[in-house]
Amino acid sequence: MCGIVGLFAKTKSFENELGFHFSKMLEEMTDRGPDSAGCAMYHNVLSDGHIKIVVLSGDLLDSTILADKLSSVFSESSVEDLGSRHLLITVSSEINNVTTWLRTEYPELTVLSAGRSIEIYKEKGLPNKVIEEFSIASMSGSHALGHTRMATESAITTAHSHPFSTGDDVCLVHNGSLSNHNRLRTELQKKGINFSSDNDSEVAAGYLTWRLREGDSIDKALNRALSDLDGFYTFAVGTRDGFAVMRDPIACKPAVISETDDWVAMASEYRAIALLPNANNAPAWEPNPGQVYSWSH
């Protein structure tokens, strides 16, 4: 039993309030997942040719030395300490060039997210720890995904926590379990997808990254997942421009969606959505089994 939430801003004015409302939703799911929590914020979009990478560092890593080494290889690079061993790297380069260099030169680092828009923050403990540590409530942004985890299939560590991102601004949070993730992980590694944990949800994220690289839209990739991913699940997925939700054909994991002129929200339970402005006047529904729901800017 885990809790997932997603919030998509449909207006510029709501983007300014996104972090505040998203934080309340995530905290409301605390009792569905007290082991760890995390969120993916899509905000502060960089211009073409620039990327930002959030990495989880070891305790002994000297970020100053990392910054010096980066600047000797890549132009316009910087390293910012976000707290809780999270570092924000900004570089003028292609994603694959930087992530390959990081994995070669600093194998002890865990790449949490990479892209022009996404930043992932996650940690062991209750959601309010993540919210306070990274000042999520004060952030603006276009959309956000969050997860509160009750660990059942892998270790309780920061690296095993959700969300998972395995490609350019692609992110997934997952409530459920996959039965064919070990075989699929091996196949995806042959296709160049990198994984940092043995969590089955990271495999689902890797699968979507592969399909998007192959030219699928997010809707088409999720529809393919219905036949390629075995198990039971509710997925909430983020891309640079959009947000999508899908449940497996059995749909035994809970999910609710609601929408107004200002926002689209999904959560494992309606009580997280009920905290949003004008939620009492918004239509709410349970997403149909095996159907993709998506929104984009």
Protein backbone atom coordinates (compact mmCIF):
# COMPACT_ATOMS: atom_id res chain seq x y z
CA MET A 1 0.00 0.00 0.00
CA CYS A 2 1.56 3.25 -1.21
CA GLY A 3 0.16 6.69 -1.90
CA ILE A 4 0.59 8.58 -5.15
CA VAL A 5 -0.45 12.10 -6.07
CA GLY A 6 -0.17 14.24 -9.17
CA LEU A 7 -1.03 17.87 -9.79
CA PHE A 8 -1.06 19.60 -13.18
CA ALA A 9 -1.48 23.38 -13.49
CA LYS A 10 -3.73 24.56 -16.32
CA THR A 11 -3.22 28.30 -15.70
CA LYS A 12 -0.20 30.48 -15.01
CA SER A 13 -1.73 31.75 -11.79
CA PHE A 14 -2.08 28.23 -10.43
CA GLU A 15 1.53 27.45 -11.39
CA ASN A 16 2.57 30.01 -8.77
CA GLU A 17 0.68 28.05 -6.11
CA LEU A 18 1.54 24.55 -7.31
CA GLY A 19 4.09 23.70 -4.61
CA PHE A 20 1.82 24.82 -1.79
CA HIS A 21 -1.16 22.73 -2.90
CA PHE A 22 0.95 19.76 -3.99
CA SER A 23 2.64 19.63 -0.57
CA LYS A 24 -0.71 19.37 1.18
CA MET A 25 -1.73 16.53 -1.12
CA LEU A 26 1.49 14.61 -0.54
CA GLU A 27 1.32 14.98 3.23
CA GLU A 28 -2.29 13.76 3.22
CA MET A 29 -1.01 10.40 1.89
CA THR A 30 1.37 9.90 4.84
CA ASP A 31 -0.47 6.95 6.34
CA ARG A 32 -0.38 5.10 3.01
CA GLY A 33 3.42 5.17 2.99
CA PRO A 34 5.45 6.13 6.08
CA ASP A 35 8.75 4.53 4.98
CA SER A 36 9.87 7.15 2.46
CA ALA A 37 8.56 9.92 0.26
CA GLY A 38 9.57 11.87 -2.78
CA CYS A 39 8.42 14.24 -5.46
CA ALA A 40 9.24 15.31 -8.99
CA MET A 41 8.81 19.01 -9.67
CA TYR A 42 8.64 20.31 -13.22
CA HIS A 43 9.80 23.90 -12.94
CA ASN A 44 12.52 26.42 -13.77
CA VAL A 45 12.76 25.17 -17.36
CA LEU A 46 16.19 25.66 -18.93
CA SER A 47 16.78 26.84 -22.50
CA ASP A 48 17.72 24.47 -25.32
CA GLY A 49 21.23 23.10 -25.01
CA HIS A 50 21.21 23.21 -21.21
CA ILE A 51 20.24 20.43 -18.79
CA LYS A 52 19.99 19.95 -15.06
CA ILE A 53 20.71 16.71 -13.25
CA VAL A 54 19.84 15.92 -9.64
CA VAL A 55 22.18 13.34 -8.12
CA LEU A 56 22.29 11.63 -4.74
CA SER A 57 25.82 11.87 -3.41
CA GLY A 58 27.84 9.92 -0.88
CA ASP A 59 28.70 11.44 2.48
CA LEU A 60 32.36 11.93 1.54
CA LEU A 61 31.86 13.57 -1.84
CA ASP A 62 33.44 17.02 -2.11
CA SER A 63 31.03 19.01 -4.29
CA THR A 64 33.72 21.64 -4.94
CA ILE A 65 36.00 19.05 -6.52
CA LEU A 66 33.05 17.72 -8.55
CA ALA A 67 32.30 21.25 -9.77
CA ASP A 68 35.94 21.77 -10.80
CA LYS A 69 36.06 18.48 -12.72
CA LEU A 70 32.77 19.24 -14.46
CA SER A 71 33.97 22.68 -15.56
CA SER A 72 37.11 21.15 -17.05
CA VAL A 73 35.01 18.92 -19.31
CA PHE A 74 31.72 20.76 -19.89
CA SER A 75 31.07 24.44 -20.49
CA GLU A 76 28.75 26.56 -18.34
CA SER A 77 28.55 23.98 -15.55
CA SER A 78 27.61 24.50 -11.91
CA VAL A 79 26.89 22.40 -8.81
CA GLU A 80 24.40 23.42 -6.12
CA ASP A 81 23.96 21.60 -2.80
CA LEU A 82 20.22 21.14 -2.22
CA GLY A 83 20.60 19.39 1.14
CA SER A 84 20.13 15.75 2.19
CA ARG A 85 22.98 14.71 -0.15
CA HIS A 86 21.07 16.01 -3.20
CA LEU A 87 23.16 17.99 -5.68
CA LEU A 88 21.78 19.98 -8.61
CA ILE A 89 24.15 19.95 -11.58
CA THR A 90 23.54 22.39 -14.43
CA VAL A 91 25.47 21.88 -17.66
CA SER A 92 25.52 23.05 -21.25
CA SER A 93 25.65 19.67 -22.99
CA GLU A 94 23.64 16.63 -24.12
CA ILE A 95 22.10 14.50 -21.37
CA ASN A 96 23.76 11.24 -22.41
CA ASN A 97 27.20 12.86 -22.48
CA VAL A 98 26.89 14.13 -18.91
CA THR A 99 25.18 11.09 -17.37
CA THR A 100 27.73 8.74 -18.98
CA TRP A 101 30.58 10.87 -17.64
CA LEU A 102 29.06 10.92 -14.16
CA ARG A 103 28.54 7.15 -14.07
CA THR A 104 32.15 6.61 -15.24
CA GLU A 105 33.91 9.19 -13.08
CA TYR A 106 31.60 9.02 -10.04
CA PRO A 107 29.98 5.55 -9.93
CA GLU A 108 29.01 6.18 -6.30
CA LEU A 109 26.55 8.87 -7.43
CA THR A 110 22.91 8.00 -8.11
CA VAL A 111 21.32 10.00 -10.91
CA LEU A 112 17.79 10.86 -9.71
CA SER A 113 16.62 12.97 -12.65
CA ALA A 114 17.88 14.65 -15.79
CA GLY A 115 16.30 17.06 -18.24
CA ARG A 116 15.49 20.70 -18.85
CA SER A 117 12.57 20.80 -16.40
CA ILE A 118 12.44 17.94 -13.89
CA GLU A 119 13.99 17.89 -10.42
CA ILE A 120 13.48 14.89 -8.11
CA TYR A 121 13.85 15.02 -4.35
CA LYS A 122 13.32 11.97 -2.15
CA GLU A 123 14.29 10.65 1.24
CA LYS A 124 13.57 8.04 3.86
CA GLY A 125 10.97 9.05 6.44
CA LEU A 126 7.67 10.89 6.40
CA PRO A 127 6.53 13.20 3.60
CA ASN A 128 6.79 16.33 5.72
CA LYS A 129 10.54 15.67 5.99
CA VAL A 130 10.95 15.94 2.22
CA ILE A 131 8.57 18.89 1.98
CA GLU A 132 10.45 20.86 4.64
CA GLU A 133 13.97 19.84 3.60
CA PHE A 134 13.55 21.03 0.02
CA SER A 135 11.01 23.82 0.64
CA ILE A 136 8.53 22.21 -1.75
CA ALA A 137 5.59 24.31 -0.54
CA SER A 138 7.24 27.53 -1.74
CA MET A 139 7.93 26.27 -5.28
CA SER A 140 6.08 27.22 -8.42
CA GLY A 141 5.89 24.86 -11.36
CA SER A 142 3.84 23.44 -14.21
CA HIS A 143 3.18 20.00 -12.70
CA ALA A 144 4.38 17.64 -9.98
CA LEU A 145 4.22 13.97 -9.02
CA GLY A 146 4.63 12.54 -5.54
CA HIS A 147 4.81 9.20 -3.77
CA THR A 148 4.63 7.95 -0.18
CA ARG A 149 6.07 4.46 0.12
CA MET A 150 5.28 1.43 2.21
CA ALA A 151 8.16 -0.81 1.16
CA THR A 152 7.17 -4.33 0.15
CA GLU A 153 9.48 -5.41 -2.67
CA SER A 154 12.85 -3.74 -2.00
CA ALA A 155 14.95 -2.04 0.65
CA ILE A 156 14.05 1.15 2.51
CA THR A 157 16.72 3.48 1.17
CA THR A 158 16.68 6.86 -0.49
CA ALA A 159 17.71 5.31 -3.82
CA HIS A 160 14.82 2.82 -3.66
CA SER A 161 12.31 5.56 -2.96
CA HIS A 162 9.99 6.97 -5.62
CA PRO A 163 9.74 8.84 -8.00
CA PHE A 164 11.95 7.20 -10.64
CA SER A 165 13.29 8.92 -13.72
CA THR A 166 15.31 7.07 -16.35
CA GLY A 167 15.29 9.52 -19.25
CA ASP A 168 14.95 13.06 -20.48
CA ASP A 169 12.32 14.70 -18.21
CA VAL A 170 10.45 11.37 -17.84
CA CYS A 171 9.17 10.39 -14.41
CA LEU A 172 6.94 7.68 -12.95
CA VAL A 173 5.31 6.93 -9.61
CA HIS A 174 3.65 3.57 -9.08
CA ASN A 175 1.28 1.90 -6.68
CA GLY A 176 1.27 -1.88 -7.16
CA SER A 177 3.69 -4.59 -8.22
CA LEU A 178 5.16 -5.96 -11.46
CA SER A 179 5.82 -9.68 -11.89
CA ASN A 180 8.10 -9.58 -14.96
CA HIS A 181 10.41 -6.73 -13.96
CA ASN A 182 13.61 -8.81 -13.68
CA ARG A 183 13.38 -10.15 -17.23
CA LEU A 184 12.31 -6.75 -18.56
CA ARG A 185 15.18 -4.98 -16.76
CA THR A 186 17.69 -7.22 -18.55
CA GLU A 187 16.09 -6.51 -21.93
CA LEU A 188 16.02 -2.76 -21.32
CA GLN A 189 19.67 -2.68 -20.21
CA LYS A 190 20.57 -4.14 -23.61
CA LYS A 191 18.74 -1.18 -25.16
CA GLY A 192 20.85 1.31 -23.18
CA ILE A 193 18.55 2.02 -20.24
CA ASN A 194 20.41 2.49 -16.94
CA PHE A 195 19.02 1.50 -13.55
CA SER A 196 20.16 2.48 -10.06
CA SER A 197 18.06 0.06 -7.98
CA ASP A 198 16.25 -3.28 -8.09
CA ASN A 199 12.87 -1.58 -7.64
CA ASP A 200 10.21 -2.80 -10.08
CA SER A 201 8.87 0.74 -10.49
CA GLU A 202 12.18 1.89 -11.95
CA VAL A 203 11.78 -0.80 -14.61
CA ALA A 204 8.38 0.64 -15.54
CA ALA A 205 9.99 4.08 -15.85
CA GLY A 206 12.76 2.58 -17.97
CA TYR A 207 10.23 0.91 -20.24
CA LEU A 208 8.47 4.24 -20.90
CA THR A 209 11.81 5.96 -21.52
CA TRP A 210 12.68 3.33 -24.13
CA ARG A 211 9.33 3.64 -25.89
CA LEU A 212 9.56 7.44 -25.97
CA ARG A 213 13.06 7.15 -27.44
CA GLU A 214 11.57 4.92 -30.12
CA GLY A 215 9.19 7.71 -31.06
CA ASP A 216 6.02 6.77 -29.18
CA SER A 217 3.84 9.44 -27.61
CA ILE A 218 3.25 8.97 -23.89
CA ASP A 219 -0.27 7.71 -24.66
CA LYS A 220 1.03 5.12 -27.11
CA ALA A 221 3.82 4.04 -24.74
CA LEU A 222 1.35 3.47 -21.91
CA ASN A 223 -0.99 1.53 -24.17
CA ARG A 224 1.94 -0.71 -25.15
CA ALA A 225 2.69 -1.18 -21.45
CA LEU A 226 -0.69 -2.86 -20.98
CA SER A 227 0.61 -5.89 -22.90
CA ASP A 228 4.31 -5.70 -21.98
CA LEU A 229 4.10 -5.09 -18.19
CA ASP A 230 2.66 -7.93 -16.12
CA GLY A 231 1.20 -7.17 -12.72
CA PHE A 232 -1.18 -4.76 -11.07
CA TYR A 233 -0.52 -1.04 -10.98
CA THR A 234 -1.63 2.53 -11.05
CA PHE A 235 0.87 4.73 -12.87
CA ALA A 236 1.19 8.50 -12.76
CA VAL A 237 3.69 9.71 -15.35
CA GLY A 238 5.30 13.06 -16.01
CA THR A 239 7.00 14.37 -19.14
CA ARG A 240 8.40 17.83 -19.84
CA ASP A 241 5.08 19.03 -21.20
CA GLY A 242 2.52 16.67 -19.76
CA PHE A 243 0.99 14.38 -17.21
CA ALA A 244 -0.71 10.99 -17.60
CA VAL A 245 -2.49 8.39 -15.48
CA MET A 246 -3.20 4.73 -16.21
CA ARG A 247 -4.42 1.70 -14.27
CA ASP A 248 -3.88 -1.91 -15.33
CA PRO A 249 -6.82 -3.88 -16.82
CA ILE A 250 -7.75 -5.36 -13.44
CA ALA A 251 -7.51 -1.98 -11.66
CA CYS A 252 -7.33 -3.27 -8.10
CA LYS A 253 -5.20 -0.32 -6.97
CA PRO A 254 -7.16 2.82 -6.06
CA ALA A 255 -7.06 6.08 -8.00
CA VAL A 256 -9.22 9.19 -8.33
CA ILE A 257 -8.99 12.05 -10.84
CA SER A 258 -10.56 15.49 -10.62
CA GLU A 259 -10.37 18.56 -12.84
CA THR A 260 -11.21 22.26 -12.81
CA ASP A 261 -10.36 25.15 -15.12
CA ASP A 262 -7.19 25.70 -13.04
CA TRP A 263 -5.86 22.22 -12.34
CA VAL A 264 -5.97 18.46 -12.90
CA ALA A 265 -5.30 16.27 -9.89
CA MET A 266 -5.01 12.57 -9.20
CA ALA A 267 -4.46 10.71 -5.97
CA SER A 268 -4.78 7.28 -4.43
CA GLU A 269 -7.60 8.65 -2.29
CA TYR A 270 -9.99 11.56 -2.83
CA ARG A 271 -9.14 13.13 0.53
CA ALA A 272 -5.88 14.44 -0.98
CA ILE A 273 -7.78 16.12 -3.81
CA ALA A 274 -10.41 17.54 -1.43
CA LEU A 275 -7.73 19.93 -0.08
CA LEU A 276 -7.47 21.79 -3.40
CA PRO A 277 -9.26 25.09 -4.09
CA ASN A 278 -12.74 24.66 -5.58
CA ALA A 279 -12.49 20.86 -5.28
CA ASN A 280 -16.04 20.69 -3.90
CA ASN A 281 -17.37 21.97 -7.25
CA ALA A 282 -15.13 19.82 -9.45
CA PRO A 283 -16.16 16.54 -11.09
CA ALA A 284 -14.24 13.55 -9.74
CA TRP A 285 -14.08 10.05 -11.16
CA GLU A 286 -12.30 6.73 -10.85
CA PRO A 287 -10.19 6.14 -13.98
CA ASN A 288 -11.35 3.19 -16.06
CA PRO A 289 -9.19 0.04 -16.17
CA GLY A 290 -6.68 0.00 -19.00
CA GLN A 291 -7.45 3.53 -20.20
CA VAL A 292 -4.89 6.30 -20.56
CA TYR A 293 -5.78 9.79 -19.30
CA SER A 294 -3.36 12.54 -20.31
CA TRP A 295 -3.00 16.31 -20.32
CA SER A 296 -0.32 18.53 -21.84
CA HIS A 297 0.65 22.17 -22.12
